């Protein structure tokens, strides 16, 4: 599966992506009023990019730009017109060694910039 194949409101059986950037974690209040930490990670492959949201204190603290992640049993939704990935209730992610056939970070950044023009 590639980023361009991800559909809103659907599961993600397995997706390998490269981390483009990691936004600073922030504390937010959920709809139920509970405080939690949200980390937004821009990820991509040769077909596009998406925001991968990690919920919970400490979540995503090990994620760095350039790393390759495998997301399994994740979930996708649309937020502000863009695909957003998350782990849902049962999803997991792991850092992979090697490039998993993904382009280098600079190539993904160039593709992202060209698509914005």
PDB file of N, CA and C in Angstrom:
ATOM      1  N   UNK A   1       0.849  -1.176   0.000  1.00  0.00           N
ATOM      2  CA  UNK A   1       0.000   0.000   0.000  1.00  0.00           C
ATOM      3  C   UNK A   1       0.893   1.237   0.000  1.00  0.00           C
ATOM      4  N   UNK A   2       0.450   2.262  -0.719  1.00  0.00           N
ATOM      5  CA  UNK A   2       1.149   3.539  -0.806  1.00  0.00           C
ATOM      6  C   UNK A   2       0.256   4.636  -0.229  1.00  0.00           C
ATOM      7  N   UNK A   3       0.840   5.796   0.069  1.00  0.00           N
ATOM      8  CA  UNK A   3       0.074   6.910   0.638  1.00  0.00           C
ATOM      9  C   UNK A   3      -1.103   7.274  -0.262  1.00  0.00           C
ATOM     10  N   UNK A   4      -0.902   7.299  -1.581  1.00  0.00           N
ATOM     11  CA  UNK A   4      -1.988   7.676  -2.487  1.00  0.00           C
ATOM     12  C   UNK A   4      -3.149   6.675  -2.467  1.00  0.00           C
ATOM     13  N   UNK A   5      -2.921   5.461  -1.984  1.00  0.00           N
ATOM     14  CA  UNK A   5      -3.968   4.435  -1.923  1.00  0.00           C
ATOM     15  C   UNK A   5      -4.832   4.543  -0.675  1.00  0.00           C
ATOM     16  N   UNK A   6      -4.407   5.328   0.295  1.00  0.00           N
ATOM     17  CA  UNK A   6      -5.134   5.443   1.562  1.00  0.00           C
ATOM     18  C   UNK A   6      -6.413   6.251   1.344  1.00  0.00           C
ATOM     19  N   UNK A   7      -7.526   5.689   1.777  1.00  0.00           N
ATOM     20  CA  UNK A   7      -8.837   6.331   1.650  1.00  0.00           C
ATOM     21  C   UNK A   7      -9.317   6.774   3.026  1.00  0.00           C
ATOM     22  N   UNK A   8     -10.019   7.921   3.085  1.00  0.00           N
ATOM     23  CA  UNK A   8     -10.578   8.356   4.372  1.00  0.00           C
ATOM     24  C   UNK A   8     -11.561   7.329   4.930  1.00  0.00           C
ATOM     25  N   UNK A   9     -11.645   7.262   6.239  1.00  0.00           N
ATOM     26  CA  UNK A   9     -12.562   6.352   6.935  1.00  0.00           C
ATOM     27  C   UNK A   9     -12.334   4.893   6.561  1.00  0.00           C
ATOM     28  N   UNK A  10     -11.069   4.528   6.477  1.00  0.00           N
ATOM     29  CA  UNK A  10     -10.742   3.140   6.162  1.00  0.00           C
ATOM     30  C   UNK A  10      -9.510   2.705   6.944  1.00  0.00           C
ATOM     31  N   UNK A  11      -9.361   1.408   7.048  1.00  0.00           N
ATOM     32  CA  UNK A  11      -8.222   0.841   7.746  1.00  0.00           C
ATOM     33  C   UNK A  11      -6.970   0.861   6.889  1.00  0.00           C
ATOM     34  N   UNK A  12      -5.839   0.778   7.552  1.00  0.00           N
ATOM     35  CA  UNK A  12      -4.540   0.711   6.882  1.00  0.00           C
ATOM     36  C   UNK A  12      -3.898  -0.602   7.316  1.00  0.00           C
ATOM     37  N   UNK A  13      -3.980  -1.649   6.483  1.00  0.00           N
ATOM     38  CA  UNK A  13      -3.406  -2.936   6.892  1.00  0.00           C
ATOM     39  C   UNK A  13      -1.905  -2.833   7.157  1.00  0.00           C
ATOM     40  N   UNK A  14      -1.167  -2.229   6.212  1.00  0.00           N
ATOM     41  CA  UNK A  14       0.274  -2.031   6.387  1.00  0.00           C
ATOM     42  C   UNK A  14       0.726  -0.934   5.433  1.00  0.00           C
ATOM     43  N   UNK A  15       1.527  -0.019   5.948  1.00  0.00           N
ATOM     44  CA  UNK A  15       2.009   1.102   5.150  1.00  0.00           C
ATOM     45  C   UNK A  15       3.407   1.466   5.624  1.00  0.00           C
ATOM     46  N   UNK A  16       4.374   1.464   4.693  1.00  0.00           N
ATOM     47  CA  UNK A  16       5.735   1.903   5.011  1.00  0.00           C
ATOM     48  C   UNK A  16       5.897   3.331   4.506  1.00  0.00           C
ATOM     49  N   UNK A  17       6.392   4.205   5.361  1.00  0.00           N
ATOM     50  CA  UNK A  17       6.549   5.625   5.034  1.00  0.00           C
ATOM     51  C   UNK A  17       7.855   6.146   5.622  1.00  0.00           C
ATOM     52  N   UNK A  18       8.338   7.241   5.039  1.00  0.00           N
ATOM     53  CA  UNK A  18       9.514   7.910   5.593  1.00  0.00           C
ATOM     54  C   UNK A  18       9.041   9.145   6.351  1.00  0.00           C
ATOM     55  N   UNK A  19       9.644   9.393   7.506  1.00  0.00           N
ATOM     56  CA  UNK A  19       9.309  10.575   8.298  1.00  0.00           C
ATOM     57  C   UNK A  19       9.941  11.793   7.628  1.00  0.00           C
ATOM     58  N   UNK A  20       9.096  12.773   7.291  1.00  0.00           N
ATOM     59  CA  UNK A  20       9.562  14.014   6.678  1.00  0.00           C
ATOM     60  C   UNK A  20       9.893  15.034   7.767  1.00  0.00           C
ATOM     61  N   UNK A  21       8.984  15.193   8.719  1.00  0.00           N
ATOM     62  CA  UNK A  21       9.215  16.128   9.823  1.00  0.00           C
ATOM     63  C   UNK A  21       8.344  15.741  11.010  1.00  0.00           C
ATOM     64  N   UNK A  22       8.752  16.194  12.183  1.00  0.00           N
ATOM     65  CA  UNK A  22       8.009  15.936  13.416  1.00  0.00           C
ATOM     66  C   UNK A  22       7.729  17.280  14.077  1.00  0.00           C
ATOM     67  N   UNK A  23       6.446  17.603  14.238  1.00  0.00           N
ATOM     68  CA  UNK A  23       6.069  18.851  14.907  1.00  0.00           C
ATOM     69  C   UNK A  23       6.274  18.687  16.413  1.00  0.00           C
ATOM     70  N   UNK A  24       6.546  19.768  17.107  1.00  0.00           N
ATOM     71  CA  UNK A  24       6.669  19.672  18.565  1.00  0.00           C
ATOM     72  C   UNK A  24       5.375  19.126  19.180  1.00  0.00           C
ATOM     73  N   UNK A  25       5.533  18.236  20.145  1.00  0.00           N
ATOM     74  CA  UNK A  25       4.363  17.678  20.837  1.00  0.00           C
ATOM     75  C   UNK A  25       3.640  18.800  21.563  1.00  0.00           C
ATOM     76  N   UNK A  26       2.323  18.686  21.621  1.00  0.00           N
ATOM     77  CA  UNK A  26       1.546  19.693  22.360  1.00  0.00           C
ATOM     78  C   UNK A  26       0.491  19.009  23.208  1.00  0.00           C
ATOM     79  N   UNK A  27       0.124  19.666  24.269  1.00  0.00           N
ATOM     80  CA  UNK A  27      -0.909  19.159  25.169  1.00  0.00           C
ATOM     81  C   UNK A  27      -2.238  19.737  24.699  1.00  0.00           C
ATOM     82  N   UNK A  28      -3.207  18.855  24.508  1.00  0.00           N
ATOM     83  CA  UNK A  28      -4.535  19.293  24.087  1.00  0.00           C
ATOM     84  C   UNK A  28      -5.578  18.709  25.029  1.00  0.00           C
ATOM     85  N   UNK A  29      -6.766  19.224  24.925  1.00  0.00           N
ATOM     86  CA  UNK A  29      -7.891  18.705  25.692  1.00  0.00           C
ATOM     87  C   UNK A  29      -8.820  17.993  24.710  1.00  0.00           C
ATOM     88  N   UNK A  30      -9.150  16.742  25.006  1.00  0.00           N
ATOM     89  CA  UNK A  30     -10.031  15.970  24.132  1.00  0.00           C
ATOM     90  C   UNK A  30     -11.469  16.454  24.272  1.00  0.00           C
ATOM     91  N   UNK A  31     -12.325  15.940  23.406  1.00  0.00           N
ATOM     92  CA  UNK A  31     -13.748  16.304  23.488  1.00  0.00           C
ATOM     93  C   UNK A  31     -14.350  15.963  24.841  1.00  0.00           C
ATOM     94  N   UNK A  32     -13.824  14.927  25.464  1.00  0.00           N
ATOM     95  CA  UNK A  32     -14.344  14.522  26.776  1.00  0.00           C
ATOM     96  C   UNK A  32     -13.755  15.362  27.914  1.00  0.00           C
ATOM     97  N   UNK A  33     -12.826  16.276  27.577  1.00  0.00           N
ATOM     98  CA  UNK A  33     -12.240  17.143  28.592  1.00  0.00           C
ATOM     99  C   UNK A  33     -10.932  16.651  29.176  1.00  0.00           C
ATOM    100  N   UNK A  34     -10.491  15.474  28.755  1.00  0.00           N
ATOM    101  CA  UNK A  34      -9.249  14.892  29.259  1.00  0.00           C
ATOM    102  C   UNK A  34      -8.047  15.513  28.549  1.00  0.00           C
ATOM    103  N   UNK A  35      -6.966  15.743  29.285  1.00  0.00           N
ATOM    104  CA  UNK A  35      -5.737  16.251  28.677  1.00  0.00           C
ATOM    105  C   UNK A  35      -4.924  15.085  28.131  1.00  0.00           C
ATOM    106  N   UNK A  36      -4.318  15.297  26.964  1.00  0.00           N
ATOM    107  CA  UNK A  36      -3.436  14.304  26.382  1.00  0.00           C
ATOM    108  C   UNK A  36      -2.407  15.013  25.516  1.00  0.00           C
ATOM    109  N   UNK A  37      -1.427  14.269  25.094  1.00  0.00           N
ATOM    110  CA  UNK A  37      -0.389  14.822  24.226  1.00  0.00           C
ATOM    111  C   UNK A  37      -0.665  14.408  22.790  1.00  0.00           C
ATOM    112  N   UNK A  38      -0.459  15.325  21.864  1.00  0.00           N
ATOM    113  CA  UNK A  38      -0.626  15.068  20.437  1.00  0.00           C
ATOM    114  C   UNK A  38       0.686  15.399  19.737  1.00  0.00           C
ATOM    115  N   UNK A  39       1.182  14.440  18.961  1.00  0.00           N
ATOM    116  CA  UNK A  39       2.367  14.662  18.140  1.00  0.00           C
ATOM    117  C   UNK A  39       1.977  14.419  16.694  1.00  0.00           C
ATOM    118  N   UNK A  40       2.222  15.410  15.844  1.00  0.00           N
ATOM    119  CA  UNK A  40       1.905  15.281  14.425  1.00  0.00           C
ATOM    120  C   UNK A  40       3.195  15.079  13.642  1.00  0.00           C
ATOM    121  N   UNK A  41       3.199  14.001  12.846  1.00  0.00           N
ATOM    122  CA  UNK A  41       4.380  13.602  12.096  1.00  0.00           C
ATOM    123  C   UNK A  41       4.023  13.616  10.611  1.00  0.00           C
ATOM    124  N   UNK A  42       4.731  14.400   9.815  1.00  0.00           N
ATOM    125  CA  UNK A  42       4.523  14.387   8.372  1.00  0.00           C
ATOM    126  C   UNK A  42       5.310  13.216   7.817  1.00  0.00           C
ATOM    127  N   UNK A  43       4.611  12.314   7.126  1.00  0.00           N
ATOM    128  CA  UNK A  43       5.233  11.119   6.558  1.00  0.00           C
ATOM    129  C   UNK A  43       4.913  11.063   5.069  1.00  0.00           C
ATOM    130  N   UNK A  44       5.708  10.297   4.329  1.00  0.00           N
ATOM    131  CA  UNK A  44       5.425  10.204   2.908  1.00  0.00           C
ATOM    132  C   UNK A  44       6.162   9.077   2.229  1.00  0.00           C
ATOM    133  N   UNK A  45       5.801   8.913   0.964  1.00  0.00           N
ATOM    134  CA  UNK A  45       6.491   7.999   0.069  1.00  0.00           C
ATOM    135  C   UNK A  45       6.528   8.678  -1.297  1.00  0.00           C
ATOM    136  N   UNK A  46       6.823   7.918  -2.341  1.00  0.00           N
ATOM    137  CA  UNK A  46       6.939   8.528  -3.666  1.00  0.00           C
ATOM    138  C   UNK A  46       5.603   9.007  -4.227  1.00  0.00           C
ATOM    139  N   UNK A  47       4.493   8.632  -3.593  1.00  0.00           N
ATOM    140  CA  UNK A  47       3.174   8.998  -4.120  1.00  0.00           C
ATOM    141  C   UNK A  47       2.528  10.169  -3.400  1.00  0.00           C
ATOM    142  N   UNK A  48       3.072  10.583  -2.264  1.00  0.00           N
ATOM    143  CA  UNK A  48       2.476  11.705  -1.545  1.00  0.00           C
ATOM    144  C   UNK A  48       2.836  11.704  -0.073  1.00  0.00           C
ATOM    145  N   UNK A  49       2.213  12.637   0.649  1.00  0.00           N
ATOM    146  CA  UNK A  49       2.461  12.772   2.082  1.00  0.00           C
ATOM    147  C   UNK A  49       1.143  12.791   2.846  1.00  0.00           C
ATOM    148  N   UNK A  50       1.232  12.542   4.132  1.00  0.00           N
ATOM    149  CA  UNK A  50       0.069  12.581   5.024  1.00  0.00           C
ATOM    150  C   UNK A  50       0.570  12.889   6.427  1.00  0.00           C
ATOM    151  N   UNK A  51      -0.322  13.375   7.261  1.00  0.00           N
ATOM    152  CA  UNK A  51       0.015  13.619   8.662  1.00  0.00           C
ATOM    153  C   UNK A  51      -0.337  12.368   9.462  1.00  0.00           C
ATOM    154  N   UNK A  52       0.618  11.878  10.217  1.00  0.00           N
ATOM    155  CA  UNK A  52       0.449  10.718  11.090  1.00  0.00           C
ATOM    156  C   UNK A  52       0.352  11.262  12.507  1.00  0.00           C
ATOM    157  N   UNK A  53      -0.813  11.112  13.138  1.00  0.00           N
ATOM    158  CA  UNK A  53      -1.012  11.650  14.485  1.00  0.00           C
ATOM    159  C   UNK A  53      -0.774  10.564  15.525  1.00  0.00           C
ATOM    160  N   UNK A  54       0.001  10.926  16.529  1.00  0.00           N
ATOM    161  CA  UNK A  54       0.294  10.016  17.635  1.00  0.00           C
ATOM    162  C   UNK A  54      -0.254  10.633  18.911  1.00  0.00           C
ATOM    163  N   UNK A  55      -1.109   9.874  19.585  1.00  0.00           N
ATOM    164  CA  UNK A  55      -1.824  10.356  20.770  1.00  0.00           C
ATOM    165  C   UNK A  55      -1.268   9.717  22.027  1.00  0.00           C
ATOM    166  N   UNK A  56      -1.137  10.512  23.070  1.00  0.00           N
ATOM    167  CA  UNK A  56      -0.730  10.000  24.373  1.00  0.00           C
ATOM    168  C   UNK A  56       0.612  10.557  24.797  1.00  0.00           C
ATOM    169  N   UNK A  57       0.781  10.688  26.089  1.00  0.00           N
ATOM    170  CA  UNK A  57       2.020  11.235  26.632  1.00  0.00           C
ATOM    171  C   UNK A  57       3.198  10.339  26.263  1.00  0.00           C
ATOM    172  N   UNK A  58       4.206  10.934  25.655  1.00  0.00           N
ATOM    173  CA  UNK A  58       5.392  10.194  25.241  1.00  0.00           C
ATOM    174  C   UNK A  58       5.294   9.575  23.862  1.00  0.00           C
ATOM    175  N   UNK A  59       4.115   9.523  23.285  1.00  0.00           N
ATOM    176  CA  UNK A  59       3.950   8.913  21.964  1.00  0.00           C
ATOM    177  C   UNK A  59       4.728   9.716  20.931  1.00  0.00           C
ATOM    178  N   UNK A  60       5.499   9.030  20.134  1.00  0.00           N
ATOM    179  CA  UNK A  60       6.266   9.678  19.082  1.00  0.00           C
ATOM    180  C   UNK A  60       7.575  10.285  19.519  1.00  0.00           C
ATOM    181  N   UNK A  61       7.928  10.141  20.788  1.00  0.00           N
ATOM    182  CA  UNK A  61       9.176  10.744  21.273  1.00  0.00           C
ATOM    183  C   UNK A  61      10.407  10.105  20.626  1.00  0.00           C
ATOM    184  N   UNK A  62      10.242   8.918  20.050  1.00  0.00           N
ATOM    185  CA  UNK A  62      11.350   8.213  19.410  1.00  0.00           C
ATOM    186  C   UNK A  62      11.404   8.441  17.903  1.00  0.00           C
ATOM    187  N   UNK A  63      10.477   9.215  17.346  1.00  0.00           N
ATOM    188  CA  UNK A  63      10.373   9.400  15.900  1.00  0.00           C
ATOM    189  C   UNK A  63      11.201  10.608  15.468  1.00  0.00           C
ATOM    190  N   UNK A  64      12.004  10.408  14.400  1.00  0.00           N
ATOM    191  CA  UNK A  64      12.888  11.465  13.903  1.00  0.00           C
ATOM    192  C   UNK A  64      12.790  11.545  12.377  1.00  0.00           C
ATOM    193  N   UNK A  65      13.017  12.741  11.839  1.00  0.00           N
ATOM    194  CA  UNK A  65      13.007  12.945  10.388  1.00  0.00           C
ATOM    195  C   UNK A  65      14.009  12.008   9.723  1.00  0.00           C
ATOM    196  N   UNK A  66      13.607  11.431   8.605  1.00  0.00           N
ATOM    197  CA  UNK A  66      14.456  10.519   7.853  1.00  0.00           C
ATOM    198  C   UNK A  66      14.218   9.056   8.155  1.00  0.00           C
ATOM    199  N   UNK A  67      13.648   8.746   9.317  1.00  0.00           N
ATOM    200  CA  UNK A  67      13.389   7.350   9.678  1.00  0.00           C
ATOM    201  C   UNK A  67      12.315   6.749   8.769  1.00  0.00           C
ATOM    202  N   UNK A  68      12.346   5.433   8.667  1.00  0.00           N
ATOM    203  CA  UNK A  68      11.305   4.694   7.954  1.00  0.00           C
ATOM    204  C   UNK A  68      10.446   3.993   8.994  1.00  0.00           C
ATOM    205  N   UNK A  69       9.135   4.185   8.882  1.00  0.00           N
ATOM    206  CA  UNK A  69       8.179   3.564   9.798  1.00  0.00           C
ATOM    207  C   UNK A  69       7.281   2.604   9.045  1.00  0.00           C
ATOM    208  N   UNK A  70       6.890   1.537   9.729  1.00  0.00           N
ATOM    209  CA  UNK A  70       5.838   0.661   9.208  1.00  0.00           C
ATOM    210  C   UNK A  70       4.642   0.811  10.139  1.00  0.00           C
ATOM    211  N   UNK A  71       3.522   1.240   9.571  1.00  0.00           N
ATOM    212  CA  UNK A  71       2.261   1.362  10.308  1.00  0.00           C
ATOM    213  C   UNK A  71       1.434   0.131   9.971  1.00  0.00           C
ATOM    214  N   UNK A  72       0.972  -0.582  11.000  1.00  0.00           N
ATOM    215  CA  UNK A  72       0.105  -1.737  10.768  1.00  0.00           C
ATOM    216  C   UNK A  72      -1.192  -1.566  11.544  1.00  0.00           C
ATOM    217  N   UNK A  73      -2.275  -1.998  10.931  1.00  0.00           N
ATOM    218  CA  UNK A  73      -3.617  -1.920  11.524  1.00  0.00           C
ATOM    219  C   UNK A  73      -3.967  -0.498  11.949  1.00  0.00           C
ATOM    220  N   UNK A  74      -3.555   0.470  11.126  1.00  0.00           N
ATOM    221  CA  UNK A  74      -3.856   1.868  11.413  1.00  0.00           C
ATOM    222  C   UNK A  74      -5.221   2.273  10.888  1.00  0.00           C
ATOM    223  N   UNK A  75      -5.496   3.567  10.936  1.00  0.00           N
ATOM    224  CA  UNK A  75      -6.779   4.114  10.521  1.00  0.00           C
ATOM    225  C   UNK A  75      -6.531   5.434   9.809  1.00  0.00           C
ATOM    226  N   UNK A  76      -7.355   5.727   8.819  1.00  0.00           N
ATOM    227  CA  UNK A  76      -7.240   6.985   8.084  1.00  0.00           C
ATOM    228  C   UNK A  76      -8.548   7.750   8.150  1.00  0.00           C
ATOM    229  N   UNK A  77      -8.416   9.065   8.227  1.00  0.00           N
ATOM    230  CA  UNK A  77      -9.591   9.926   8.146  1.00  0.00           C
ATOM    231  C   UNK A  77      -9.192  11.170   7.369  1.00  0.00           C
ATOM    232  N   UNK A  78     -10.171  11.971   7.048  1.00  0.00           N
ATOM    233  CA  UNK A  78      -9.891  13.232   6.380  1.00  0.00           C
ATOM    234  C   UNK A  78     -10.085  14.350   7.388  1.00  0.00           C
ATOM    235  N   UNK A  79      -9.117  15.254   7.452  1.00  0.00           N
ATOM    236  CA  UNK A  79      -9.183  16.378   8.378  1.00  0.00           C
ATOM    237  C   UNK A  79      -8.691  17.612   7.638  1.00  0.00           C
ATOM    238  N   UNK A  80      -9.532  18.616   7.583  1.00  0.00           N
ATOM    239  CA  UNK A  80      -9.210  19.857   6.859  1.00  0.00           C
ATOM    240  C   UNK A  80      -8.787  19.566   5.426  1.00  0.00           C
ATOM    241  N   UNK A  81      -9.483  18.615   4.794  1.00  0.00           N
ATOM    242  CA  UNK A  81      -9.252  18.307   3.389  1.00  0.00           C
ATOM    243  C   UNK A  81      -8.051  17.440   3.094  1.00  0.00           C
ATOM    244  N   UNK A  82      -7.358  16.954   4.124  1.00  0.00           N
ATOM    245  CA  UNK A  82      -6.166  16.131   3.906  1.00  0.00           C
ATOM    246  C   UNK A  82      -6.290  14.809   4.654  1.00  0.00           C
ATOM    247  N   UNK A  83      -5.631  13.805   4.103  1.00  0.00           N
ATOM    248  CA  UNK A  83      -5.616  12.495   4.750  1.00  0.00           C
ATOM    249  C   UNK A  83      -4.777  12.573   6.019  1.00  0.00           C
ATOM    250  N   UNK A  84      -5.327  12.008   7.086  1.00  0.00           N
ATOM    251  CA  UNK A  84      -4.630  11.955   8.368  1.00  0.00           C
ATOM    252  C   UNK A  84      -4.603  10.497   8.818  1.00  0.00           C
ATOM    253  N   UNK A  85      -3.442  10.028   9.192  1.00  0.00           N
ATOM    254  CA  UNK A  85      -3.245   8.647   9.630  1.00  0.00           C
ATOM    255  C   UNK A  85      -3.158   8.602  11.146  1.00  0.00           C
ATOM    256  N   UNK A  86      -3.660   7.515  11.723  1.00  0.00           N
ATOM    257  CA  UNK A  86      -3.511   7.304  13.164  1.00  0.00           C
ATOM    258  C   UNK A  86      -3.443   5.806  13.421  1.00  0.00           C
ATOM    259  N   UNK A  87      -3.187   5.464  14.669  1.00  0.00           N
ATOM    260  CA  UNK A  87      -3.117   4.047  15.037  1.00  0.00           C
ATOM    261  C   UNK A  87      -4.476   3.479  15.393  1.00  0.00           C
ATOM    262  N   UNK A  88      -5.477   4.322  15.573  1.00  0.00           N
ATOM    263  CA  UNK A  88      -6.784   3.815  15.972  1.00  0.00           C
ATOM    264  C   UNK A  88      -6.673   3.074  17.293  1.00  0.00           C
ATOM    265  N   UNK A  89      -7.508   2.081  17.470  1.00  0.00           N
ATOM    266  CA  UNK A  89      -7.519   1.322  18.732  1.00  0.00           C
ATOM    267  C   UNK A  89      -6.477   0.212  18.794  1.00  0.00           C
ATOM    268  N   UNK A  90      -6.172  -0.392  17.640  1.00  0.00           N
ATOM    269  CA  UNK A  90      -5.312  -1.578  17.682  1.00  0.00           C
ATOM    270  C   UNK A  90      -4.047  -1.452  16.843  1.00  0.00           C
ATOM    271  N   UNK A  91      -3.810  -0.293  16.244  1.00  0.00           N
ATOM    272  CA  UNK A  91      -2.663  -0.143  15.364  1.00  0.00           C
ATOM    273  C   UNK A  91      -1.342  -0.047  16.101  1.00  0.00           C
ATOM    274  N   UNK A  92      -0.286  -0.244  15.342  1.00  0.00           N
ATOM    275  CA  UNK A  92       1.073  -0.165  15.870  1.00  0.00           C
ATOM    276  C   UNK A  92       1.972   0.450  14.814  1.00  0.00           C
ATOM    277  N   UNK A  93       3.092   0.986  15.252  1.00  0.00           N
ATOM    278  CA  UNK A  93       4.117   1.392  14.296  1.00  0.00           C
ATOM    279  C   UNK A  93       5.455   0.918  14.824  1.00  0.00           C
ATOM    280  N   UNK A  94       6.374   0.716  13.897  1.00  0.00           N
ATOM    281  CA  UNK A  94       7.731   0.345  14.274  1.00  0.00           C
ATOM    282  C   UNK A  94       8.707   1.036  13.335  1.00  0.00           C
ATOM    283  N   UNK A  95       9.898   1.284  13.838  1.00  0.00           N
ATOM    284  CA  UNK A  95      10.961   1.861  13.029  1.00  0.00           C
ATOM    285  C   UNK A  95      11.658   0.727  12.300  1.00  0.00           C
ATOM    286  N   UNK A  96      11.848   0.899  10.995  1.00  0.00           N
ATOM    287  CA  UNK A  96      12.505  -0.122  10.187  1.00  0.00           C
ATOM    288  C   UNK A  96      13.951   0.263   9.923  1.00  0.00           C
ATOM    289  N   UNK A  97      14.801  -0.734   9.833  1.00  0.00           N
ATOM    290  CA  UNK A  97      16.179  -0.522   9.397  1.00  0.00           C
ATOM    291  C   UNK A  97      16.164  -0.517   7.872  1.00  0.00           C
ATOM    292  N   UNK A  98      17.024   0.254   7.263  1.00  0.00           N
ATOM    293  CA  UNK A  98      17.057   0.319   5.802  1.00  0.00           C
ATOM    294  C   UNK A  98      15.988   1.261   5.279  1.00  0.00           C
ATOM    295  N   UNK A  99      15.833   1.256   3.948  1.00  0.00           N
ATOM    296  CA  UNK A  99      14.926   2.234   3.346  1.00  0.00           C
ATOM    297  C   UNK A  99      13.581   1.661   2.912  1.00  0.00           C
ATOM    298  N   UNK A 100      13.381   0.355   3.004  1.00  0.00           N
ATOM    299  CA  UNK A 100      12.114  -0.302   2.642  1.00  0.00           C
ATOM    300  C   UNK A 100      11.664   0.080   1.232  1.00  0.00           C
ATOM    301  N   UNK A 101      12.623   0.384   0.357  1.00  0.00           N
ATOM    302  CA  UNK A 101      12.285   0.750  -1.014  1.00  0.00           C
ATOM    303  C   UNK A 101      11.730   2.158  -1.164  1.00  0.00           C
ATOM    304  N   UNK A 102      11.807   2.944  -0.102  1.00  0.00           N
ATOM    305  CA  UNK A 102      11.279   4.311  -0.139  1.00  0.00           C
ATOM    306  C   UNK A 102      12.338   5.287  -0.641  1.00  0.00           C
ATOM    307  N   UNK A 103      11.889   6.384  -1.285  1.00  0.00           N
ATOM    308  CA  UNK A 103      12.856   7.401  -1.705  1.00  0.00           C
ATOM    309  C   UNK A 103      13.495   8.088  -0.506  1.00  0.00           C
ATOM    310  N   UNK A 104      14.617   8.721  -0.759  1.00  0.00           N
ATOM    311  CA  UNK A 104      15.294   9.493   0.285  1.00  0.00           C
ATOM    312  C   UNK A 104      14.427  10.677   0.699  1.00  0.00           C
ATOM    313  N   UNK A 105      14.697  11.197   1.878  1.00  0.00           N
ATOM    314  CA  UNK A 105      13.945  12.323   2.420  1.00  0.00           C
ATOM    315  C   UNK A 105      13.951  13.512   1.459  1.00  0.00           C
ATOM    316  N   UNK A 106      15.098  13.826   0.866  1.00  0.00           N
ATOM    317  CA  UNK A 106      15.192  14.982  -0.039  1.00  0.00           C
ATOM    318  C   UNK A 106      14.269  14.826  -1.242  1.00  0.00           C
ATOM    319  N   UNK A 107      14.121  13.615  -1.758  1.00  0.00           N
ATOM    320  CA  UNK A 107      13.240  13.369  -2.903  1.00  0.00           C
ATOM    321  C   UNK A 107      11.775  13.570  -2.516  1.00  0.00           C
ATOM    322  N   UNK A 108      11.390  13.102  -1.347  1.00  0.00           N
ATOM    323  CA  UNK A 108      10.013  13.303  -0.881  1.00  0.00           C
ATOM    324  C   UNK A 108       9.750  14.790  -0.687  1.00  0.00           C
ATOM    325  N   UNK A 109      10.709  15.505  -0.112  1.00  0.00           N
ATOM    326  CA  UNK A 109      10.556  16.951   0.078  1.00  0.00           C
ATOM    327  C   UNK A 109      10.412  17.672  -1.263  1.00  0.00           C
ATOM    328  N   UNK A 110      11.206  17.278  -2.263  1.00  0.00           N
ATOM    329  CA  UNK A 110      11.103  17.889  -3.592  1.00  0.00           C
ATOM    330  C   UNK A 110       9.745  17.616  -4.219  1.00  0.00           C
ATOM    331  N   UNK A 111       9.255  16.383  -4.097  1.00  0.00           N
ATOM    332  CA  UNK A 111       7.937  16.042  -4.642  1.00  0.00           C
ATOM    333  C   UNK A 111       6.850  16.845  -3.955  1.00  0.00           C
ATOM    334  N   UNK A 112       6.956  17.011  -2.638  1.00  0.00           N
ATOM    335  CA  UNK A 112       5.966  17.780  -1.883  1.00  0.00           C
ATOM    336  C   UNK A 112       5.978  19.231  -2.341  1.00  0.00           C
ATOM    337  N   UNK A 113       7.166  19.801  -2.500  1.00  0.00           N
ATOM    338  CA  UNK A 113       7.289  21.194  -2.935  1.00  0.00           C
ATOM    339  C   UNK A 113       6.713  21.365  -4.336  1.00  0.00           C
ATOM    340  N   UNK A 114       7.018  20.437  -5.251  1.00  0.00           N
ATOM    341  CA  UNK A 114       6.519  20.523  -6.623  1.00  0.00           C
ATOM    342  C   UNK A 114       5.005  20.415  -6.681  1.00  0.00           C
ATOM    343  N   UNK A 115       4.404  19.622  -5.807  1.00  0.00           N
ATOM    344  CA  UNK A 115       2.948  19.465  -5.789  1.00  0.00           C
ATOM    345  C   UNK A 115       2.253  20.691  -5.231  1.00  0.00           C
ATOM    346  N   UNK A 116       2.969  21.503  -4.438  1.00  0.00           N
ATOM    347  CA  UNK A 116       2.379  22.721  -3.879  1.00  0.00           C
ATOM    348  C   UNK A 116       2.393  23.860  -4.886  1.00  0.00           C
ATOM    349  N   UNK A 117       3.297  23.784  -5.900  1.00  0.00           N
ATOM    350  CA  UNK A 117       3.412  24.863  -6.901  1.00  0.00           C
ATOM    351  C   UNK A 117       2.217  24.904  -7.838  1.00  0.00           C
TER     352      UNK A 117
END
